[in-house]
Amino acid sequence: MANSMGCLVLLCLVSPLLFANAVRSHPWGGLFPQFYDHSCPKAKEIVQSIVAQAVAKETRMAASLVRLHFHDCFVKGCDASVLLDNSSSIVSEKGSNPNRNSLRGFEVVDQIKAALEAACPGTVSCADILAIAARDSTVLVGGPYWDVPLGRRDSLGASIQGSNNDIPAPNNTLPTIITKFKLQGLNVVDVVALSGGHTIGMSRCTSFRQRLYNQTGNGMADSTLDVSYAAQLRQGCPRSGGDNNLFPLDFVTPAKFDNFYYKNILAGKGLLSSDEVLLTKSAETAALVKAYAADVNLFFQHFAQSMVNMGNISPLTGSQGEIRKNCRRLNNDH
């Protein structure tokens, strides 16, 4: 087993480099980083500038924008369906269980879209805005840079059912989480690397309460949770009430993109059940948790690659979809 784990991590080290070359010669799904170089040369600069202002005003916005991209891509692909408001033809994904009272950053996207429409009308999709903003947010709080493949178009619909069913939940079992990733064409390395996005951002009490009071239905705390950390969490997350009280997903360096998320898991201080099971329920995921805790550069390399992989989930390209003028509504919805 140890040998195969070693090979797994070694393979992981090599594969992003091979993949990077493959992307240059064969853009996956017709997406490529230079997509707007002629049609809107300042596109990336405009996105970066507005994201930087938003993150300077509120550091938490970096995590919110990364999460917005994630919650978009896992439902119908990376097509900006998550940004659509309710209308006569749309039931918004914003009302789903994973998103309601929880997803943020829509106003920042509106601001970016308005600036891009002024610079190059009808050119840059809302789906691409989400992909670039997620990368810029990561870099601004100390995380890795990656070239974002571009050329996505925006969806003509939303799926609240998909949003309720397809996005991994904090209390899902590890096999369920892995299955939800596999359905999107993502593998176990992607599961563990993308979970590392929890090195920034906050979680609501309602997302981890069961770990503090009734993890297995016997009225007891989760035995994998550090006792003193659990006691600390209980002070702000009571048995009832306080659903929206916020806690850092990485309590050591909550505003910095680093590998403390994995170190916390090893110490029994992963906040969500979906964090802790990466260590306790699978030798394969546990080996990756340990590898990333030991080597921040390996984590950064894999996170960047997995973000590209996620950004390539079922994009609309060519004549599919549209380029929305307003990210919140379809062009023919007035």
Protein backbone atom coordinates (compact mmCIF):
# COMPACT_ATOMS: atom_id res chain seq x y z
CA MET A 1 0.00 0.00 0.00
CA ALA A 2 2.81 2.41 0.96
CA ASN A 3 4.42 1.94 -2.44
CA SER A 4 1.23 2.62 -4.35
CA MET A 5 0.64 5.74 -2.22
CA GLY A 6 4.16 6.92 -3.00
CA CYS A 7 3.53 6.37 -6.70
CA LEU A 8 0.24 8.25 -6.46
CA VAL A 9 1.92 11.33 -5.02
CA LEU A 10 4.80 11.05 -7.49
CA LEU A 11 2.35 10.81 -10.39
CA CYS A 12 0.57 13.85 -9.04
CA LEU A 13 3.85 15.74 -9.10
CA VAL A 14 4.49 14.92 -12.74
CA SER A 15 1.02 15.06 -14.26
CA PRO A 16 0.34 18.82 -13.94
CA LEU A 17 3.45 19.55 -16.01
CA LEU A 18 2.39 17.10 -18.70
CA PHE A 19 -1.10 18.53 -18.64
CA ALA A 20 0.13 22.12 -18.92
CA ASN A 21 1.87 21.23 -22.19
CA ALA A 22 -1.21 19.39 -23.42
CA VAL A 23 -3.37 22.45 -22.78
CA ARG A 24 -1.05 24.66 -24.83
CA SER A 25 -1.24 22.42 -27.86
CA HIS A 26 -4.81 21.11 -27.48
CA PRO A 27 -7.11 23.53 -25.68
CA TRP A 28 -9.59 21.46 -23.73
CA GLY A 29 -13.17 22.06 -24.83
CA GLY A 30 -12.11 24.94 -27.07
CA LEU A 31 -11.05 27.14 -24.13
CA PHE A 32 -7.70 28.93 -24.09
CA PRO A 33 -6.14 31.71 -21.97
CA GLN A 34 -5.66 34.14 -24.89
CA PHE A 35 -9.36 34.08 -25.92
CA TYR A 36 -9.91 37.83 -25.33
CA ASP A 37 -6.46 39.10 -26.30
CA HIS A 38 -7.83 40.78 -29.46
CA SER A 39 -11.56 41.21 -28.74
CA CYS A 40 -11.09 42.72 -25.24
CA PRO A 41 -7.37 43.14 -24.49
CA LYS A 42 -7.93 44.76 -21.08
CA ALA A 43 -10.43 42.12 -19.88
CA LYS A 44 -8.12 40.38 -17.37
CA GLU A 45 -6.78 43.72 -16.11
CA ILE A 46 -10.32 45.02 -15.49
CA VAL A 47 -11.35 41.88 -13.57
CA GLN A 48 -8.16 41.89 -11.50
CA SER A 49 -8.52 45.56 -10.57
CA ILE A 50 -12.12 45.25 -9.31
CA VAL A 51 -11.44 41.97 -7.46
CA ALA A 52 -8.41 43.62 -5.79
CA GLN A 53 -10.57 46.53 -4.60
CA ALA A 54 -13.23 44.15 -3.26
CA VAL A 55 -10.71 41.95 -1.40
CA ALA A 56 -8.90 45.01 0.01
CA LYS A 57 -12.26 46.16 1.42
CA GLU A 58 -13.15 42.71 2.82
CA THR A 59 -10.64 39.83 2.78
CA ARG A 60 -13.43 37.27 3.06
CA MET A 61 -14.59 38.23 -0.44
CA ALA A 62 -11.67 36.22 -1.90
CA ALA A 63 -13.13 32.99 -0.52
CA SER A 64 -16.64 34.02 -1.58
CA LEU A 65 -15.59 34.52 -5.21
CA VAL A 66 -13.73 31.18 -5.34
CA ARG A 67 -16.84 29.48 -3.93
CA LEU A 68 -19.10 31.21 -6.46
CA HIS A 69 -17.09 29.64 -9.32
CA PHE A 70 -17.21 26.22 -7.61
CA HIS A 71 -21.00 26.38 -7.04
CA ASP A 72 -21.44 27.46 -10.66
CA CYS A 73 -19.32 24.70 -12.21
CA PHE A 74 -20.89 21.82 -10.26
CA VAL A 75 -24.36 22.65 -11.66
CA LYS A 76 -24.73 22.26 -15.45
CA GLY A 77 -21.05 23.12 -15.92
CA CYS A 78 -19.23 26.48 -15.72
CA ASP A 79 -21.94 28.55 -17.41
CA ALA A 80 -22.83 31.33 -14.92
CA SER A 81 -26.22 29.71 -14.24
CA VAL A 82 -25.64 30.46 -10.54
CA LEU A 83 -25.80 34.21 -11.22
CA LEU A 84 -29.32 34.24 -12.66
CA ASP A 85 -32.04 35.84 -10.52
CA ASN A 86 -35.63 34.58 -10.42
CA SER A 87 -37.66 35.65 -13.45
CA SER A 88 -40.69 34.50 -15.43
CA SER A 89 -38.54 31.81 -17.06
CA ILE A 90 -35.92 31.13 -14.34
CA VAL A 91 -36.03 29.54 -10.89
CA SER A 92 -32.79 30.87 -9.44
CA GLU A 93 -30.09 28.56 -8.02
CA LYS A 94 -29.54 31.25 -5.37
CA GLY A 95 -32.49 29.76 -3.45
CA SER A 96 -31.04 26.23 -3.20
CA ASN A 97 -29.95 24.71 0.13
CA PRO A 98 -26.18 25.12 -0.49
CA ASN A 99 -26.59 28.73 -1.71
CA ARG A 100 -29.39 30.35 0.29
CA ASN A 101 -28.11 32.86 2.91
CA SER A 102 -24.64 31.66 2.08
CA LEU A 103 -23.40 32.46 -1.44
CA ARG A 104 -21.90 35.95 -1.77
CA GLY A 105 -20.03 38.19 -4.20
CA PHE A 106 -22.81 38.88 -6.70
CA GLU A 107 -22.37 42.66 -6.44
CA VAL A 108 -18.65 42.34 -7.23
CA VAL A 109 -19.53 40.33 -10.36
CA ASP A 110 -22.07 43.04 -11.32
CA GLN A 111 -19.36 45.68 -10.99
CA ILE A 112 -16.91 43.69 -13.12
CA LYS A 113 -19.57 43.06 -15.77
CA ALA A 114 -20.52 46.77 -15.97
CA ALA A 115 -16.85 47.74 -16.44
CA LEU A 116 -16.35 45.08 -19.14
CA GLU A 117 -19.54 46.10 -20.96
CA ALA A 118 -18.26 49.69 -21.01
CA ALA A 119 -14.86 48.59 -22.36
CA CYS A 120 -16.01 45.94 -24.87
CA PRO A 121 -19.80 45.45 -25.06
CA GLY A 122 -21.20 41.94 -25.48
CA THR A 123 -17.78 40.28 -25.45
CA VAL A 124 -16.77 38.78 -22.08
CA SER A 125 -19.08 36.14 -20.59
CA CYS A 126 -20.21 36.07 -16.97
CA ALA A 127 -18.92 32.47 -16.77
CA ASP A 128 -15.42 33.68 -17.69
CA ILE A 129 -15.68 36.51 -15.15
CA LEU A 130 -16.27 33.88 -12.43
CA ALA A 131 -13.27 31.82 -13.58
CA ILE A 132 -10.87 34.80 -13.69
CA ALA A 133 -12.17 36.26 -10.42
CA ALA A 134 -11.59 32.93 -8.64
CA ARG A 135 -7.96 32.86 -9.81
CA ASP A 136 -7.34 36.53 -8.94
CA SER A 137 -8.92 36.07 -5.50
CA THR A 138 -6.64 33.11 -4.79
CA VAL A 139 -3.51 35.04 -5.79
CA LEU A 140 -4.49 38.15 -3.80
CA VAL A 141 -4.52 36.22 -0.51
CA GLY A 142 -1.22 34.45 -1.15
CA GLY A 143 -2.24 31.44 -3.24
CA PRO A 144 -0.95 30.12 -6.57
CA TYR A 145 -1.38 31.70 -10.00
CA TRP A 146 -2.60 29.74 -13.01
CA ASP A 147 -3.50 30.60 -16.60
CA VAL A 148 -7.29 30.52 -16.86
CA PRO A 149 -8.60 28.91 -20.06
CA LEU A 150 -11.31 31.24 -21.45
CA GLY A 151 -14.07 31.28 -24.05
CA ARG A 152 -17.06 30.05 -22.02
CA ARG A 153 -20.51 31.35 -22.88
CA ASP A 154 -23.43 31.92 -20.52
CA SER A 155 -26.32 29.54 -19.95
CA LEU A 156 -29.91 30.17 -21.02
CA GLY A 157 -31.26 28.48 -17.88
CA ALA A 158 -30.63 27.46 -14.28
CA SER A 159 -31.19 24.29 -12.27
CA ILE A 160 -32.21 24.58 -8.64
CA GLN A 161 -32.53 20.76 -8.55
CA GLY A 162 -28.95 20.42 -9.74
CA SER A 163 -27.83 22.95 -7.17
CA ASN A 164 -29.60 21.03 -4.37
CA ASN A 165 -28.31 17.62 -5.49
CA ASP A 166 -24.90 18.00 -7.17
CA ILE A 167 -22.90 20.30 -4.91
CA PRO A 168 -20.99 18.36 -2.21
CA ALA A 169 -22.41 19.09 1.27
CA PRO A 170 -20.49 19.51 4.57
CA ASN A 171 -22.14 16.39 6.04
CA ASN A 172 -21.86 14.15 2.96
CA THR A 173 -19.94 10.89 3.40
CA LEU A 174 -16.59 10.66 1.62
CA PRO A 175 -17.88 8.15 -0.99
CA THR A 176 -20.74 10.57 -1.78
CA ILE A 177 -18.33 13.50 -2.15
CA ILE A 178 -16.01 11.46 -4.40
CA THR A 179 -19.00 10.34 -6.51
CA LYS A 180 -20.21 13.95 -6.91
CA PHE A 181 -16.74 14.92 -8.14
CA LYS A 182 -16.51 11.89 -10.46
CA LEU A 183 -19.84 12.82 -12.05
CA GLN A 184 -18.15 16.09 -13.06
CA GLY A 185 -15.10 14.28 -14.49
CA LEU A 186 -12.95 15.10 -11.45
CA ASN A 187 -10.84 12.58 -9.52
CA VAL A 188 -9.71 11.96 -5.94
CA VAL A 189 -6.72 14.32 -6.27
CA ASP A 190 -9.17 17.06 -7.32
CA VAL A 191 -11.35 16.28 -4.27
CA VAL A 192 -8.50 16.75 -1.78
CA ALA A 193 -6.78 19.64 -3.59
CA LEU A 194 -9.99 21.65 -4.11
CA SER A 195 -11.03 21.03 -0.49
CA GLY A 196 -7.91 23.06 0.30
CA GLY A 197 -9.87 26.12 -0.79
CA HIS A 198 -11.10 25.94 2.81
CA THR A 199 -7.77 27.45 3.84
CA ILE A 200 -9.67 30.76 3.46
CA GLY A 201 -13.24 31.75 4.21
CA MET A 202 -15.89 31.16 6.81
CA SER A 203 -18.55 28.57 7.56
CA ARG A 204 -21.89 28.93 9.30
CA CYS A 205 -22.65 27.12 12.57
CA THR A 206 -25.45 25.21 10.81
CA SER A 207 -22.84 23.52 8.57
CA PHE A 208 -21.00 21.76 11.40
CA ARG A 209 -23.37 21.78 14.42
CA GLN A 210 -24.00 18.03 14.19
CA ARG A 211 -20.27 17.39 14.80
CA LEU A 212 -20.47 19.19 18.14
CA TYR A 213 -23.61 17.60 19.56
CA ASN A 214 -24.86 14.54 17.69
CA GLN A 215 -22.50 13.23 15.03
CA THR A 216 -23.65 9.61 15.01
CA GLY A 217 -27.14 10.01 16.49
CA ASN A 218 -26.06 9.18 20.06
CA GLY A 219 -25.99 12.79 21.28
CA MET A 220 -22.18 12.80 21.39
CA ALA A 221 -19.61 15.00 19.66
CA ASP A 222 -17.62 13.66 16.70
CA SER A 223 -14.84 11.53 18.19
CA THR A 224 -12.43 12.66 15.44
CA LEU A 225 -12.78 16.31 16.56
CA ASP A 226 -10.14 17.67 18.96
CA VAL A 227 -11.84 18.05 22.37
CA SER A 228 -10.55 21.55 23.20
CA TYR A 229 -11.35 22.80 19.66
CA ALA A 230 -14.89 21.36 19.98
CA ALA A 231 -15.37 23.16 23.32
CA GLN A 232 -14.24 26.43 21.73
CA LEU A 233 -16.69 25.96 18.82
CA ARG A 234 -19.59 25.18 21.16
CA GLN A 235 -19.24 28.64 22.75
CA GLY A 236 -20.34 30.27 19.49
CA CYS A 237 -22.40 27.45 17.99
CA PRO A 238 -25.10 26.45 20.48
CA ARG A 239 -27.30 23.36 20.25
CA SER A 240 -30.06 25.56 18.83
CA GLY A 241 -30.01 29.10 17.45
CA GLY A 242 -27.03 30.97 16.03
CA ASP A 243 -27.34 29.18 12.68
CA ASN A 244 -25.58 31.99 10.83
CA ASN A 245 -22.77 32.57 13.34
CA LEU A 246 -19.54 32.44 11.34
CA PHE A 247 -16.34 30.50 12.04
CA PRO A 248 -13.08 30.43 10.05
CA LEU A 249 -12.57 27.22 8.07
CA ASP A 250 -8.85 27.55 8.93
CA PHE A 251 -8.63 29.07 12.42
CA VAL A 252 -4.82 29.49 12.31
CA THR A 253 -4.39 31.72 9.22
CA PRO A 254 -8.00 32.39 8.09
CA ALA A 255 -7.13 35.19 5.66
CA LYS A 256 -4.08 33.56 4.04
CA PHE A 257 -4.05 30.95 1.31
CA ASP A 258 -1.60 28.34 2.65
CA ASN A 259 -1.55 24.67 3.71
CA PHE A 260 -2.66 25.11 7.34
CA TYR A 261 -6.04 23.64 6.37
CA TYR A 262 -4.33 20.24 6.00
CA LYS A 263 -2.22 20.67 9.14
CA ASN A 264 -5.42 21.44 11.06
CA ILE A 265 -7.04 18.24 9.76
CA LEU A 266 -4.05 16.21 10.98
CA ALA A 267 -4.53 17.79 14.43
CA GLY A 268 -8.25 16.87 14.56
CA LYS A 269 -9.18 20.51 13.94
CA GLY A 270 -10.82 20.38 10.53
CA LEU A 271 -14.05 22.36 10.93
CA LEU A 272 -16.44 20.46 8.67
CA SER A 273 -17.15 16.75 8.64
CA SER A 274 -16.30 16.84 4.89
CA ASP A 275 -12.82 18.12 5.86
CA GLU A 276 -12.10 15.52 8.55
CA VAL A 277 -13.24 12.49 6.51
CA LEU A 278 -10.43 13.17 4.03
CA LEU A 279 -8.07 11.91 6.75
CA THR A 280 -10.18 9.28 8.51
CA LYS A 281 -12.13 7.45 5.79
CA SER A 282 -9.67 6.65 2.99
CA ALA A 283 -5.97 5.79 2.80
CA GLU A 284 -5.75 7.45 -0.62
CA THR A 285 -7.19 10.80 0.51
CA ALA A 286 -5.27 10.64 3.81
CA ALA A 287 -1.98 10.26 1.90
CA LEU A 288 -2.77 13.43 -0.05
CA VAL A 289 -3.75 15.35 3.12
CA LYS A 290 -0.37 14.41 4.63
CA ALA A 291 1.50 15.27 1.43
CA TYR A 292 -0.10 18.73 1.21
CA ALA A 293 0.44 19.41 4.93
CA ALA A 294 4.14 18.61 4.44
CA ASP A 295 4.66 20.49 1.16
CA VAL A 296 2.87 23.76 0.42
CA ASN A 297 4.32 23.91 -3.11
CA LEU A 298 2.83 20.52 -3.96
CA PHE A 299 -0.54 21.71 -2.68
CA PHE A 300 -0.34 24.94 -4.71
CA GLN A 301 0.59 23.03 -7.86
CA HIS A 302 -2.31 20.59 -7.46
CA PHE A 303 -4.82 23.26 -6.45
CA ALA A 304 -4.01 25.32 -9.54
CA GLN A 305 -4.33 22.27 -11.78
CA SER A 306 -7.58 21.17 -10.15
CA MET A 307 -9.05 24.67 -10.59
CA VAL A 308 -8.31 24.41 -14.32
CA ASN A 309 -9.89 20.94 -14.35
CA MET A 310 -12.98 22.26 -12.55
CA GLY A 311 -13.19 25.28 -14.86
CA ASN A 312 -13.37 22.88 -17.79
CA ILE A 313 -16.59 21.18 -16.65
CA SER A 314 -19.05 21.24 -19.59
CA PRO A 315 -18.43 24.78 -20.84
CA LEU A 316 -20.76 26.27 -23.44
CA THR A 317 -18.70 27.39 -26.44
CA GLY A 318 -19.14 28.55 -30.03
CA SER A 319 -22.79 29.24 -30.80
CA GLN A 320 -24.11 27.72 -27.55
CA GLY A 321 -25.65 29.97 -24.91
CA GLU A 322 -25.10 33.73 -25.07
CA ILE A 323 -22.94 36.53 -23.69
CA ARG A 324 -25.18 38.12 -21.08
CA LYS A 325 -25.23 41.92 -20.86
CA ASN A 326 -26.34 41.63 -17.23
CA CYS A 327 -25.15 38.54 -15.36
CA ARG A 328 -28.40 38.34 -13.38
CA ARG A 329 -30.73 37.89 -16.34
CA LEU A 330 -30.99 36.49 -19.87
CA ASN A 331 -30.64 39.00 -22.68
CA ASN A 332 -34.29 38.49 -23.75
CA ASP A 333 -35.64 38.80 -20.17
CA HIS A 334 -36.68 42.40 -19.69
